[in-house]
C-alpha cells in the first residue's frame, strides 16, 4: 500500500535519464501511479519536470548514451537535450493568479509541447532582458505540475497559494495569512550579516589585492 501523501515532489537532477531508471528500478514509478490514482498531487522541477513528460531525446549524448527514453507520461511535453546549457535568472507571472514569482533555470533540456491552455507561467524577464514566453505546464485536473524554475517557492504569496490549493483539494481550510514569510528577503539579510561579520574580522583590502579587484564602498 502506498504511504499517505498529499504532494509527491520529483526534484531537479544533473542525471535525468539515470535517475529516471533508478526511480523505475526501485519501485518509484509504481508508487507514483498509485499516488495519482488516489488523487495525489505531483510536482516536477527541472529534471523532475522532464521525467514527467512523454519522451526524453538526447541524440547528441549530452547527458547519457540513451538517444530516446520513455518518460513517466503524466504530462504531454517532450524534452530534447542540447549541448548549450541555459543559465538564467527568471521573473514570471503565474497565469492563474497573476502572482509574481522569481527564480532561476539551469538545464540543457528544451521542453516542447506546452499547450497554451495549460501553461503555468508567462516569463517576463530572463536576466535583464524582457521576454514573453510560456513556461511550465499542469495536467487537465491541475494536480500534476512541471516547471523548470528553481526557487519559485521562495515567493511567499505563490507558495501560500499552492499550499492552499492542495489543502482545499483534501478538505482543509486555507492557512492563516499572517504567516507569510519573504524567504528571499530573509536570505539577503542573512548574506548581509555574513558580509558584515567578515568585514569586521578580515582585512578585505588585502584579499581584494590578492584577487586583483578594487573594493567599492557599500
Protein backbone atom coordinates (compact mmCIF):
# COMPACT_ATOMS: atom_id res chain seq x y z
CA UNK A 1 0.00 0.00 0.00
CA UNK A 2 1.29 3.49 -0.90
CA UNK A 3 2.04 5.83 2.01
CA UNK A 4 -0.46 8.64 2.52
CA UNK A 5 0.99 11.59 0.64
CA UNK A 6 -0.57 14.87 -0.39
CA UNK A 7 2.22 16.06 -2.73
CA UNK A 8 4.96 13.94 -4.28
CA UNK A 9 7.89 16.06 -5.48
CA UNK A 10 10.43 14.95 -8.09
CA UNK A 11 13.30 17.42 -7.74
CA UNK A 12 15.93 18.63 -10.17
CA UNK A 13 18.88 16.44 -11.13
CA UNK A 14 22.02 16.55 -13.27
CA UNK A 15 21.32 12.98 -14.47
CA UNK A 16 17.70 12.90 -15.61
CA UNK A 17 17.77 9.62 -17.55
CA UNK A 18 19.90 7.74 -14.99
CA UNK A 19 17.70 8.92 -12.12
CA UNK A 20 14.55 8.00 -14.03
CA UNK A 21 15.95 4.49 -14.50
CA UNK A 22 16.72 4.35 -10.77
CA UNK A 23 13.19 5.52 -9.97
CA UNK A 24 11.76 2.67 -12.01
CA UNK A 25 14.18 0.08 -10.67
CA UNK A 26 13.33 0.92 -7.06
CA UNK A 27 9.54 0.88 -7.50
CA UNK A 28 9.13 4.65 -7.58
CA UNK A 29 7.08 4.63 -10.78
CA UNK A 30 4.63 2.16 -9.29
CA UNK A 31 4.33 4.35 -6.19
CA UNK A 32 3.71 7.36 -8.42
CA UNK A 33 0.91 5.57 -10.29
CA UNK A 34 -0.81 4.58 -7.05
CA UNK A 35 -0.38 8.09 -5.69
CA UNK A 36 -2.06 9.57 -8.78
CA UNK A 37 -4.92 7.05 -8.69
CA UNK A 38 -5.57 8.16 -5.11
CA UNK A 39 -5.89 11.78 -6.29
CA UNK A 40 -2.46 12.89 -5.10
CA UNK A 41 -0.52 15.88 -6.40
CA UNK A 42 2.78 15.54 -8.29
CA UNK A 43 5.31 18.34 -8.73
CA UNK A 44 8.33 18.01 -11.02
CA UNK A 45 11.07 20.64 -11.02
CA UNK A 46 13.60 20.87 -13.87
CA UNK A 47 14.89 17.29 -14.28
CA UNK A 48 11.83 16.04 -12.42
CA UNK A 49 9.68 18.02 -14.87
CA UNK A 50 11.46 16.36 -17.79
CA UNK A 51 10.79 12.91 -16.31
CA UNK A 52 7.04 13.64 -16.16
CA UNK A 53 6.80 14.05 -19.94
CA UNK A 54 6.35 11.54 -22.75
CA UNK A 55 9.91 11.31 -24.08
CA UNK A 56 13.44 12.47 -23.37
CA UNK A 57 15.53 12.75 -26.55
CA UNK A 58 19.32 13.01 -26.39
CA UNK A 59 20.69 12.28 -29.85
CA UNK A 60 23.96 14.09 -29.16
CA UNK A 61 24.71 12.19 -25.96
CA UNK A 62 24.69 15.38 -23.91
CA UNK A 63 23.58 13.66 -20.71
CA UNK A 64 23.50 9.92 -21.38
CA UNK A 65 24.07 7.22 -24.00
CA UNK A 66 20.30 6.73 -24.47
CA UNK A 67 19.14 8.58 -27.57
CA UNK A 68 15.49 8.23 -26.50
CA UNK A 69 13.94 7.44 -23.14
CA UNK A 70 10.25 6.97 -22.43
CA UNK A 71 9.10 9.32 -19.69
CA UNK A 72 6.51 8.83 -16.97
CA UNK A 73 3.79 10.13 -19.30
CA UNK A 74 1.94 12.29 -16.78
CA UNK A 75 2.42 15.43 -18.89
CA UNK A 76 2.24 15.81 -22.67
CA UNK A 77 5.58 17.59 -23.04
CA UNK A 78 8.79 16.23 -24.55
CA UNK A 79 12.39 17.11 -23.73
CA UNK A 80 15.26 17.40 -26.20
CA UNK A 81 18.79 17.82 -24.87
CA UNK A 82 21.14 20.33 -26.49
CA UNK A 83 24.80 20.95 -25.72
CA UNK A 84 24.37 24.58 -24.68
CA UNK A 85 23.20 24.92 -21.08
CA UNK A 86 20.60 27.56 -20.22
CA UNK A 87 21.51 29.50 -17.07
CA UNK A 88 19.18 32.46 -16.50
CA UNK A 89 17.63 34.37 -13.65
CA UNK A 90 13.88 34.48 -14.26
CA UNK A 91 10.88 36.59 -13.42
CA UNK A 92 7.42 35.36 -14.29
CA UNK A 93 3.67 35.75 -13.75
CA UNK A 94 1.58 32.82 -12.54
CA UNK A 95 -1.17 32.72 -15.16
CA UNK A 96 -3.96 31.53 -12.88
CA UNK A 97 -3.50 34.13 -10.14
CA UNK A 98 -1.26 36.85 -11.69
CA UNK A 99 1.11 36.37 -8.75
CA UNK A 100 4.74 37.31 -9.41
CA UNK A 101 7.46 34.69 -8.98
CA UNK A 102 11.21 34.72 -9.47
CA UNK A 103 13.92 32.08 -9.58
CA UNK A 104 16.44 30.62 -11.99
CA UNK A 105 16.86 27.83 -14.50
CA UNK A 106 19.93 25.72 -15.23
CA UNK A 107 19.49 22.87 -17.70
CA UNK A 108 20.34 21.54 -21.17
CA UNK A 109 16.89 20.12 -21.89
CA UNK A 110 14.48 22.07 -24.12
CA UNK A 111 10.81 21.49 -23.38
CA UNK A 112 8.29 21.34 -26.23
CA UNK A 113 4.58 20.61 -26.44
CA UNK A 114 3.27 23.03 -23.82
CA UNK A 115 -0.39 23.77 -24.70
CA UNK A 116 -1.15 27.42 -24.00
CA UNK A 117 -4.32 26.49 -22.13
CA UNK A 118 -2.29 24.51 -19.58
CA UNK A 119 0.78 26.71 -19.22
CA UNK A 120 1.72 27.66 -15.66
CA UNK A 121 3.68 30.87 -16.11
CA UNK A 122 4.44 33.63 -18.53
CA UNK A 123 8.11 34.61 -18.31
CA UNK A 124 8.60 38.37 -18.32
CA UNK A 125 12.40 38.56 -17.87
CA UNK A 126 15.47 36.44 -18.49
CA UNK A 127 18.27 38.08 -16.55
CA UNK A 128 17.76 41.75 -17.50
CA UNK A 129 16.09 41.13 -20.87
CA UNK A 130 12.32 41.38 -21.28
CA UNK A 131 10.71 38.26 -22.79
CA UNK A 132 7.23 36.88 -23.37
CA UNK A 133 7.40 33.08 -23.07
CA UNK A 134 5.17 30.36 -21.71
CA UNK A 135 6.79 28.18 -19.04
CA UNK A 136 5.68 25.11 -17.13
CA UNK A 137 2.53 23.06 -17.52
CA UNK A 138 -0.13 21.35 -15.47
CA UNK A 139 -2.35 18.36 -16.21
CA UNK A 140 -6.05 18.55 -17.06
CA UNK A 141 -7.05 18.06 -13.40
CA UNK A 142 -4.38 20.54 -12.27
CA UNK A 143 -2.69 18.10 -9.90
CA UNK A 144 0.39 17.24 -11.96
CA UNK A 145 2.66 20.25 -12.30
CA UNK A 146 6.00 20.69 -14.04
CA UNK A 147 8.31 23.69 -14.21
CA UNK A 148 11.97 24.49 -14.91
CA UNK A 149 12.02 27.34 -12.37
CA UNK A 150 14.18 26.62 -9.34
CA UNK A 151 13.34 28.68 -6.26
CA UNK A 152 9.78 29.61 -7.21
CA UNK A 153 8.55 28.67 -3.71
CA UNK A 154 10.75 31.42 -2.28
CA UNK A 155 7.96 33.74 -3.50
CA UNK A 156 5.75 33.74 -0.37
CA UNK A 157 2.38 34.55 -1.97
CA UNK A 158 2.81 31.93 -4.68
CA UNK A 159 3.92 29.38 -2.08
CA UNK A 160 0.87 30.12 0.06
CA UNK A 161 -1.46 29.89 -2.94
CA UNK A 162 -0.04 26.48 -3.90
CA UNK A 163 -0.36 25.12 -0.36
CA UNK A 164 -3.92 26.39 -0.11
CA UNK A 165 -4.79 24.71 -3.42
CA UNK A 166 -3.54 21.40 -2.05
CA UNK A 167 -5.29 21.95 1.29
CA UNK A 168 -8.58 22.77 -0.44
CA UNK A 169 -8.32 19.57 -2.52
CA UNK A 170 -8.18 17.44 0.64
CA UNK A 171 -10.84 19.35 2.54
CA UNK A 172 -8.65 21.60 4.72
CA UNK A 173 -9.17 25.31 5.32
CA UNK A 174 -6.70 27.88 3.92
CA UNK A 175 -3.69 28.77 6.03
CA UNK A 176 -3.65 31.93 8.14
CA UNK A 177 -2.39 34.84 6.02
CA UNK A 178 -0.37 36.30 8.90
CA UNK A 179 2.25 33.57 8.46
CA UNK A 180 3.65 34.82 5.14
CA UNK A 181 7.45 34.86 5.16
CA UNK A 182 9.57 36.56 2.49
CA UNK A 183 12.27 33.91 2.20
CA UNK A 184 14.25 35.88 -0.37
CA UNK A 185 14.40 38.95 1.86
CA UNK A 186 15.47 36.77 4.80
CA UNK A 187 18.25 35.28 2.68
CA UNK A 188 19.53 38.70 1.62
CA UNK A 189 19.53 39.84 5.25
CA UNK A 190 21.49 36.73 6.25
CA UNK A 191 24.05 37.36 3.49
CA UNK A 192 24.44 40.95 4.70
CA UNK A 193 25.10 39.71 8.24
CA UNK A 194 27.77 37.32 6.97
CA UNK A 195 29.37 40.10 4.92
CA UNK A 196 29.40 42.42 7.94
CA UNK A 197 30.99 39.72 10.11
CA UNK A 198 33.70 39.05 7.52
CA UNK A 199 34.33 42.75 7.08
CA UNK A 200 34.83 43.15 10.83
CA UNK A 201 37.25 40.23 11.17
CA UNK A 202 39.15 40.08 7.88
CA UNK A 203 41.41 42.54 6.06
CA UNK A 204 39.23 42.80 2.95
CA UNK A 205 41.62 45.22 1.20
CA UNK A 206 44.39 42.59 1.32
CA UNK A 207 42.06 39.89 -0.01
CA UNK A 208 40.91 42.24 -2.77
CA UNK A 209 44.55 42.92 -3.68
CA UNK A 210 45.25 39.18 -3.91
CA UNK A 211 42.23 38.80 -6.17
CA UNK A 212 43.17 41.80 -8.30
CA UNK A 213 39.94 43.68 -7.69
CA UNK A 214 39.11 47.02 -6.14
CA UNK A 215 36.78 47.45 -3.19
CA UNK A 216 33.70 49.62 -3.62
CA UNK A 217 32.13 51.39 -0.69
CA UNK A 218 28.79 49.89 0.38
